[in-house]
PDB file of all heavy atoms in Angstrom:
ATOM      1  N   ALA A   1     248.805 146.527  49.712  1.00  0.00           N
ATOM      2  CA  ALA A   1     249.121 146.643  51.132  1.00  0.00           C
ATOM      3  C   ALA A   1     250.471 147.338  51.333  1.00  0.00           C
ATOM      4  O   ALA A   1     250.633 148.193  52.199  1.00  0.00           O
ATOM      5  CB  ALA A   1     249.120 145.257  51.765  1.00  0.00           C
ATOM      6  N   LYS A   2     251.461 146.881  50.460  1.00  0.00           N
ATOM      7  CA  LYS A   2     252.783 147.518  50.555  1.00  0.00           C
ATOM      8  C   LYS A   2     252.705 149.010  50.210  1.00  0.00           C
ATOM      9  O   LYS A   2     253.360 149.843  50.852  1.00  0.00           O
ATOM     10  CB  LYS A   2     253.767 146.821  49.619  1.00  0.00           C
ATOM     11  CG  LYS A   2     254.188 145.449  50.119  1.00  0.00           C
ATOM     12  CD  LYS A   2     255.229 144.857  49.150  1.00  0.00           C
ATOM     13  CE  LYS A   2     255.727 143.484  49.649  1.00  0.00           C
ATOM     14  NZ  LYS A   2     256.731 142.916  48.708  1.00  0.00           N
ATOM     15  N   ALA A   3     251.847 149.251  49.208  1.00  0.00           N
ATOM     16  CA  ALA A   3     251.709 150.656  48.817  1.00  0.00           C
ATOM     17  C   ALA A   3     251.077 151.463  49.932  1.00  0.00           C
ATOM     18  O   ALA A   3     251.505 152.588  50.223  1.00  0.00           O
ATOM     19  CB  ALA A   3     250.907 150.776  47.520  1.00  0.00           C
ATOM     20  N   ASN A   4     250.037 150.884  50.508  1.00  0.00           N
ATOM     21  CA  ASN A   4     249.388 151.589  51.624  1.00  0.00           C
ATOM     22  C   ASN A   4     250.355 151.769  52.786  1.00  0.00           C
ATOM     23  O   ASN A   4     250.401 152.831  53.415  1.00  0.00           O
ATOM     24  CB  ASN A   4     248.156 150.836  52.062  1.00  0.00           C
ATOM     25  CG  ASN A   4     247.053 150.867  51.004  1.00  0.00           C
ATOM     26  OD1 ASN A   4     246.948 151.817  50.224  1.00  0.00           O
ATOM     27  ND2 ASN A   4     246.193 149.818  50.980  1.00  0.00           N
ATOM     28  N   GLU A   5     251.083 150.646  53.019  1.00  0.00           N
ATOM     29  CA  GLU A   5     252.072 150.745  54.098  1.00  0.00           C
ATOM     30  C   GLU A   5     253.139 151.780  53.769  1.00  0.00           C
ATOM     31  O   GLU A   5     253.571 152.545  54.637  1.00  0.00           O
ATOM     32  CB  GLU A   5     252.713 149.361  54.327  1.00  0.00           C
ATOM     33  CG  GLU A   5     253.639 149.338  55.547  1.00  0.00           C
ATOM     34  CD  GLU A   5     254.266 147.946  55.752  1.00  0.00           C
ATOM     35  OE1 GLU A   5     253.985 147.026  54.978  1.00  0.00           O
ATOM     36  OE2 GLU A   5     255.102 147.847  56.706  1.00  0.00           O
ATOM     37  N   ALA A   6     253.504 151.737  52.501  1.00  0.00           N
ATOM     38  CA  ALA A   6     254.528 152.725  52.078  1.00  0.00           C
ATOM     39  C   ALA A   6     253.985 154.134  52.206  1.00  0.00           C
ATOM     40  O   ALA A   6     254.696 155.045  52.646  1.00  0.00           O
ATOM     41  CB  ALA A   6     254.950 152.450  50.632  1.00  0.00           C
ATOM     42  N   LYS A   7     252.709 154.304  51.773  1.00  0.00           N
ATOM     43  CA  LYS A   7     252.097 155.622  51.908  1.00  0.00           C
ATOM     44  C   LYS A   7     252.037 156.034  53.367  1.00  0.00           C
ATOM     45  O   LYS A   7     252.296 157.195  53.709  1.00  0.00           O
ATOM     46  CB  LYS A   7     250.723 155.633  51.281  1.00  0.00           C
ATOM     47  CG  LYS A   7     250.735 155.569  49.763  1.00  0.00           C
ATOM     48  CD  LYS A   7     249.306 155.579  49.208  1.00  0.00           C
ATOM     49  CE  LYS A   7     249.323 155.533  47.679  1.00  0.00           C
ATOM     50  NZ  LYS A   7     247.935 155.555  47.109  1.00  0.00           N
ATOM     51  N   LEU A   8     251.626 154.982  54.213  1.00  0.00           N
ATOM     52  CA  LEU A   8     251.553 155.279  55.648  1.00  0.00           C
ATOM     53  C   LEU A   8     252.932 155.664  56.184  1.00  0.00           C
ATOM     54  O   LEU A   8     253.073 156.630  56.929  1.00  0.00           O
ATOM     55  CB  LEU A   8     250.969 154.067  56.394  1.00  0.00           C
ATOM     56  CG  LEU A   8     250.819 154.240  57.902  1.00  0.00           C
ATOM     57  CD1 LEU A   8     249.861 155.404  58.220  1.00  0.00           C
ATOM     58  CD2 LEU A   8     250.307 152.929  58.544  1.00  0.00           C
ATOM     59  N   ASN A   9     253.900 154.799  55.754  1.00  0.00           N
ATOM     60  CA  ASN A   9     255.276 155.098  56.200  1.00  0.00           C
ATOM     61  C   ASN A   9     255.739 156.477  55.668  1.00  0.00           C
ATOM     62  O   ASN A   9     256.402 157.235  56.363  1.00  0.00           O
ATOM     63  CB  ASN A   9     256.229 154.011  55.724  1.00  0.00           C
ATOM     64  CG  ASN A   9     256.000 152.675  56.453  1.00  0.00           C
ATOM     65  OD1 ASN A   9     255.525 152.638  57.601  1.00  0.00           O
ATOM     66  ND2 ASN A   9     256.325 151.565  55.773  1.00  0.00           N
ATOM     67  N   GLU A  10     255.325 156.703  54.405  1.00  0.00           N
ATOM     68  CA  GLU A  10     255.691 157.994  53.799  1.00  0.00           C
ATOM     69  C   GLU A  10     255.043 159.145  54.536  1.00  0.00           C
ATOM     70  O   GLU A  10     255.691 160.174  54.787  1.00  0.00           O
ATOM     71  CB  GLU A  10     255.294 158.007  52.318  1.00  0.00           C
ATOM     72  CG  GLU A  10     255.770 159.268  51.593  1.00  0.00           C
ATOM     73  CD  GLU A  10     255.363 159.254  50.123  1.00  0.00           C
ATOM     74  OE1 GLU A  10     254.778 158.264  49.665  1.00  0.00           O
ATOM     75  OE2 GLU A  10     255.683 160.291  49.412  1.00  0.00           O
ATOM     76  N   ALA A  11     253.738 158.911  54.902  1.00  0.00           N
ATOM     77  CA  ALA A  11     253.040 159.960  55.638  1.00  0.00           C
ATOM     78  C   ALA A  11     253.685 160.163  57.000  1.00  0.00           C
ATOM     79  O   ALA A  11     253.894 161.312  57.433  1.00  0.00           O
ATOM     80  CB  ALA A  11     251.559 159.591  55.781  1.00  0.00           C
ATOM     81  N   ASN A  12     253.974 158.955  57.643  1.00  0.00           N
ATOM     82  CA  ASN A  12     254.657 159.076  58.940  1.00  0.00           C
ATOM     83  C   ASN A  12     256.027 159.788  58.801  1.00  0.00           C
ATOM     84  O   ASN A  12     256.419 160.614  59.610  1.00  0.00           O
ATOM     85  CB  ASN A  12     254.836 157.690  59.557  1.00  0.00           C
ATOM     86  CG  ASN A  12     253.499 157.068  59.963  1.00  0.00           C
ATOM     87  OD1 ASN A  12     252.526 157.792  60.276  1.00  0.00           O
ATOM     88  ND2 ASN A  12     253.422 155.730  59.938  1.00  0.00           N
ATOM     89  N   PHE A  13     256.754 159.389  57.728  1.00  0.00           N
ATOM     90  CA  PHE A  13     258.078 159.989  57.495  1.00  0.00           C
ATOM     91  C   PHE A  13     257.961 161.491  57.214  1.00  0.00           C
ATOM     92  O   PHE A  13     258.759 162.294  57.717  1.00  0.00           O
ATOM     93  CB  PHE A  13     258.754 159.271  56.318  1.00  0.00           C
ATOM     94  CG  PHE A  13     260.114 159.811  55.988  1.00  0.00           C
ATOM     95  CD1 PHE A  13     261.212 159.514  56.800  1.00  0.00           C
ATOM     96  CD2 PHE A  13     260.298 160.644  54.880  1.00  0.00           C
ATOM     97  CE1 PHE A  13     262.450 160.041  56.481  1.00  0.00           C
ATOM     98  CE2 PHE A  13     261.537 161.146  54.584  1.00  0.00           C
ATOM     99  CZ  PHE A  13     262.635 160.863  55.393  1.00  0.00           C
ATOM    100  N   LYS A  14     256.902 161.776  56.384  1.00  0.00           N
ATOM    101  CA  LYS A  14     256.691 163.181  56.085  1.00  0.00           C
ATOM    102  C   LYS A  14     256.366 163.960  57.339  1.00  0.00           C
ATOM    103  O   LYS A  14     256.877 165.072  57.546  1.00  0.00           O
ATOM    104  CB  LYS A  14     255.576 163.336  55.053  1.00  0.00           C
ATOM    105  CG  LYS A  14     255.987 162.957  53.643  1.00  0.00           C
ATOM    106  CD  LYS A  14     254.835 163.216  52.655  1.00  0.00           C
ATOM    107  CE  LYS A  14     255.265 162.896  51.224  1.00  0.00           C
ATOM    108  NZ  LYS A  14     254.153 163.136  50.244  1.00  0.00           N
ATOM    109  N   ASN A  15     255.459 163.307  58.153  1.00  0.00           N
ATOM    110  CA  ASN A  15     255.115 163.980  59.408  1.00  0.00           C
ATOM    111  C   ASN A  15     256.363 164.160  60.279  1.00  0.00           C
ATOM    112  O   ASN A  15     256.583 165.228  60.875  1.00  0.00           O
ATOM    113  CB  ASN A  15     254.048 163.209  60.135  1.00  0.00           C
ATOM    114  CG  ASN A  15     252.702 163.247  59.407  1.00  0.00           C
ATOM    115  OD1 ASN A  15     252.402 164.212  58.690  1.00  0.00           O
ATOM    116  ND2 ASN A  15     251.888 162.204  59.576  1.00  0.00           N
ATOM    117  N   GLN A  16     257.136 163.072  60.363  1.00  0.00           N
ATOM    118  CA  GLN A  16     258.363 163.138  61.161  1.00  0.00           C
ATOM    119  C   GLN A  16     259.329 164.173  60.562  1.00  0.00           C
ATOM    120  O   GLN A  16     259.952 164.944  61.286  1.00  0.00           O
ATOM    121  CB  GLN A  16     259.009 161.748  61.213  1.00  0.00           C
ATOM    122  CG  GLN A  16     260.215 161.689  62.148  1.00  0.00           C
ATOM    123  CD  GLN A  16     260.821 160.285  62.201  1.00  0.00           C
ATOM    124  OE1 GLN A  16     260.303 159.334  61.558  1.00  0.00           O
ATOM    125  NE2 GLN A  16     261.862 160.137  62.978  1.00  0.00           N
ATOM    126  N   LEU A  17     259.416 164.108  59.180  1.00  0.00           N
ATOM    127  CA  LEU A  17     260.311 165.049  58.508  1.00  0.00           C
ATOM    128  C   LEU A  17     259.851 166.491  58.715  1.00  0.00           C
ATOM    129  O   LEU A  17     260.667 167.382  58.945  1.00  0.00           O
ATOM    130  CB  LEU A  17     260.361 164.724  57.027  1.00  0.00           C
ATOM    131  CG  LEU A  17     261.319 165.574  56.168  1.00  0.00           C
ATOM    132  CD1 LEU A  17     262.749 165.440  56.647  1.00  0.00           C
ATOM    133  CD2 LEU A  17     261.199 165.160  54.688  1.00  0.00           C
ATOM    134  N   GLN A  18     258.526 166.678  58.607  1.00  0.00           N
ATOM    135  CA  GLN A  18     257.984 168.003  58.843  1.00  0.00           C
ATOM    136  C   GLN A  18     258.266 168.475  60.256  1.00  0.00           C
ATOM    137  O   GLN A  18     258.592 169.645  60.483  1.00  0.00           O
ATOM    138  CB  GLN A  18     256.479 168.026  58.557  1.00  0.00           C
ATOM    139  CG  GLN A  18     256.144 167.933  57.061  1.00  0.00           C
ATOM    140  CD  GLN A  18     254.649 167.903  56.802  1.00  0.00           C
ATOM    141  OE1 GLN A  18     253.850 167.830  57.766  1.00  0.00           O
ATOM    142  NE2 GLN A  18     254.272 167.938  55.514  1.00  0.00           N
ATOM    143  N   ALA A  19     258.119 167.519  61.197  1.00  0.00           N
ATOM    144  CA  ALA A  19     258.438 167.881  62.580  1.00  0.00           C
ATOM    145  C   ALA A  19     259.903 168.264  62.725  1.00  0.00           C
ATOM    146  O   ALA A  19     260.252 169.254  63.389  1.00  0.00           O
ATOM    147  CB  ALA A  19     258.100 166.710  63.508  1.00  0.00           C
ATOM    148  N   GLU A  20     260.771 167.403  62.059  1.00  0.00           N
ATOM    149  CA  GLU A  20     262.197 167.725  62.099  1.00  0.00           C
ATOM    150  C   GLU A  20     262.479 169.055  61.414  1.00  0.00           C
ATOM    151  O   GLU A  20     263.275 169.854  61.892  1.00  0.00           O
ATOM    152  CB  GLU A  20     262.985 166.585  61.438  1.00  0.00           C
ATOM    153  CG  GLU A  20     262.965 165.271  62.178  1.00  0.00           C
ATOM    154  CD  GLU A  20     263.734 165.347  63.496  1.00  0.00           C
ATOM    155  OE1 GLU A  20     264.686 166.186  63.572  1.00  0.00           O
ATOM    156  OE2 GLU A  20     263.407 164.589  64.425  1.00  0.00           O
ATOM    157  N   LEU A  21     261.798 169.231  60.257  1.00  0.00           N
ATOM    158  CA  LEU A  21     261.990 170.476  59.544  1.00  0.00           C
ATOM    159  C   LEU A  21     261.496 171.662  60.361  1.00  0.00           C
ATOM    160  O   LEU A  21     262.116 172.744  60.327  1.00  0.00           O
ATOM    161  CB  LEU A  21     261.255 170.435  58.200  1.00  0.00           C
ATOM    162  CG  LEU A  21     261.879 169.522  57.136  1.00  0.00           C
ATOM    163  CD1 LEU A  21     260.967 169.451  55.890  1.00  0.00           C
ATOM    164  CD2 LEU A  21     263.267 170.007  56.732  1.00  0.00           C
ATOM    165  N   ALA A  22     260.363 171.457  61.055  1.00  0.00           N
ATOM    166  CA  ALA A  22     259.846 172.520  61.907  1.00  0.00           C
ATOM    167  C   ALA A  22     260.853 172.877  62.984  1.00  0.00           C
ATOM    168  O   ALA A  22     261.086 174.043  63.280  1.00  0.00           O
ATOM    169  CB  ALA A  22     258.516 172.114  62.504  1.00  0.00           C
ATOM    170  N   LYS A  23     261.449 171.772  63.578  1.00  0.00           N
ATOM    171  CA  LYS A  23     262.482 172.002  64.584  1.00  0.00           C
ATOM    172  C   LYS A  23     263.680 172.766  63.980  1.00  0.00           C
ATOM    173  O   LYS A  23     264.207 173.708  64.564  1.00  0.00           O
ATOM    174  CB  LYS A  23     262.944 170.680  65.186  1.00  0.00           C
ATOM    175  CG  LYS A  23     261.901 170.003  66.074  1.00  0.00           C
ATOM    176  CD  LYS A  23     262.469 168.695  66.631  1.00  0.00           C
ATOM    177  CE  LYS A  23     261.445 167.986  67.514  1.00  0.00           C
ATOM    178  NZ  LYS A  23     261.984 166.703  68.064  1.00  0.00           N
ATOM    179  N   LYS A  24     264.069 172.224  62.804  1.00  0.00           N
ATOM    180  CA  LYS A  24     265.204 172.869  62.146  1.00  0.00           C
ATOM    181  C   LYS A  24     264.876 174.306  61.754  1.00  0.00           C
ATOM    182  O   LYS A  24     265.713 175.198  61.868  1.00  0.00           O
ATOM    183  CB  LYS A  24     265.611 172.064  60.916  1.00  0.00           C
ATOM    184  CG  LYS A  24     266.287 170.744  61.280  1.00  0.00           C
ATOM    185  CD  LYS A  24     266.726 170.003  60.021  1.00  0.00           C
ATOM    186  CE  LYS A  24     267.427 168.691  60.390  1.00  0.00           C
ATOM    187  NZ  LYS A  24     267.863 167.933  59.192  1.00  0.00           N
ATOM    188  N   ASP A  25     263.617 174.517  61.226  1.00  0.00           N
ATOM    189  CA  ASP A  25     263.217 175.884  60.868  1.00  0.00           C
ATOM    190  C   ASP A  25     263.236 176.797  62.082  1.00  0.00           C
ATOM    191  O   ASP A  25     263.668 177.948  62.008  1.00  0.00           O
ATOM    192  CB  ASP A  25     261.824 175.870  60.241  1.00  0.00           C
ATOM    193  CG  ASP A  25     261.834 175.269  58.835  1.00  0.00           C
ATOM    194  OD1 ASP A  25     262.937 175.259  58.201  1.00  0.00           O
ATOM    195  OD2 ASP A  25     260.757 174.857  58.367  1.00  0.00           O
ATOM    196  N   ALA A  26     262.715 176.212  63.197  1.00  0.00           N
ATOM    197  CA  ALA A  26     262.725 176.994  64.434  1.00  0.00           C
ATOM    198  C   ALA A  26     264.152 177.328  64.841  1.00  0.00           C
ATOM    199  O   ALA A  26     264.463 178.457  65.243  1.00  0.00           O
ATOM    200  CB  ALA A  26     262.001 176.228  65.550  1.00  0.00           C
ATOM    201  N   LEU A  27     265.029 176.270  64.753  1.00  0.00           N
ATOM    202  CA  LEU A  27     266.438 176.483  65.081  1.00  0.00           C
ATOM    203  C   LEU A  27     267.081 177.489  64.129  1.00  0.00           C
ATOM    204  O   LEU A  27     267.835 178.378  64.537  1.00  0.00           O
ATOM    205  CB  LEU A  27     267.181 175.155  65.047  1.00  0.00           C
ATOM    206  CG  LEU A  27     268.674 175.196  65.399  1.00  0.00           C
ATOM    207  CD1 LEU A  27     268.869 175.717  66.829  1.00  0.00           C
ATOM    208  CD2 LEU A  27     269.305 173.804  65.272  1.00  0.00           C
ATOM    209  N   ILE A  28     266.711 177.285  62.818  1.00  0.00           N
ATOM    210  CA  ILE A  28     267.254 178.218  61.811  1.00  0.00           C
ATOM    211  C   ILE A  28     266.784 179.639  62.073  1.00  0.00           C
ATOM    212  O   ILE A  28     267.552 180.599  61.993  1.00  0.00           O
ATOM    213  CB  ILE A  28     266.866 177.758  60.405  1.00  0.00           C
ATOM    214  CG1 ILE A  28     267.651 176.488  60.039  1.00  0.00           C
ATOM    215  CG2 ILE A  28     267.147 178.848  59.365  1.00  0.00           C
ATOM    216  CD1 ILE A  28     267.175 175.828  58.750  1.00  0.00           C
ATOM    217  N   ASN A  29     265.443 179.739  62.390  1.00  0.00           N
ATOM    218  CA  ASN A  29     264.894 181.058  62.691  1.00  0.00           C
ATOM    219  C   ASN A  29     265.575 181.667  63.901  1.00  0.00           C
ATOM    220  O   ASN A  29     265.868 182.868  63.943  1.00  0.00           O
ATOM    221  CB  ASN A  29     263.389 180.978  62.897  1.00  0.00           C
ATOM    222  CG  ASN A  29     262.639 180.655  61.598  1.00  0.00           C
ATOM    223  OD1 ASN A  29     263.101 181.027  60.507  1.00  0.00           O
ATOM    224  ND2 ASN A  29     261.503 179.964  61.711  1.00  0.00           N
ATOM    225  N   GLU A  30     265.793 180.779  64.893  1.00  0.00           N
ATOM    226  CA  GLU A  30     266.466 181.249  66.103  1.00  0.00           C
ATOM    227  C   GLU A  30     267.884 181.702  65.789  1.00  0.00           C
ATOM    228  O   GLU A  30     268.322 182.779  66.204  1.00  0.00           O
ATOM    229  CB  GLU A  30     266.475 180.136  67.152  1.00  0.00           C
ATOM    230  CG  GLU A  30     267.094 180.577  68.482  1.00  0.00           C
ATOM    231  CD  GLU A  30     267.108 179.426  69.503  1.00  0.00           C
ATOM    232  OE1 GLU A  30     266.543 178.359  69.219  1.00  0.00           O
ATOM    233  OE2 GLU A  30     267.698 179.642  70.593  1.00  0.00           O
ATOM    234  N   LEU A  31     268.573 180.790  65.029  1.00  0.00           N
ATOM    235  CA  LEU A  31     269.936 181.148  64.639  1.00  0.00           C
ATOM    236  C   LEU A  31     269.956 182.389  63.742  1.00  0.00           C
ATOM    237  O   LEU A  31     270.829 183.242  63.849  1.00  0.00           O
ATOM    238  CB  LEU A  31     270.600 179.969  63.920  1.00  0.00           C
ATOM    239  CG  LEU A  31     270.887 178.741  64.791  1.00  0.00           C
ATOM    240  CD1 LEU A  31     271.392 177.580  63.918  1.00  0.00           C
ATOM    241  CD2 LEU A  31     271.915 179.064  65.876  1.00  0.00           C
TER     242      LEU A  31
END
């Protein structure tokens, strides 16, 4: 369960990180 939760959290974090990275990439691209 912890692993699944961790995976879920990891997936959520990755998704969030990807979103942040996308924002940052967009900002970087803009900059």
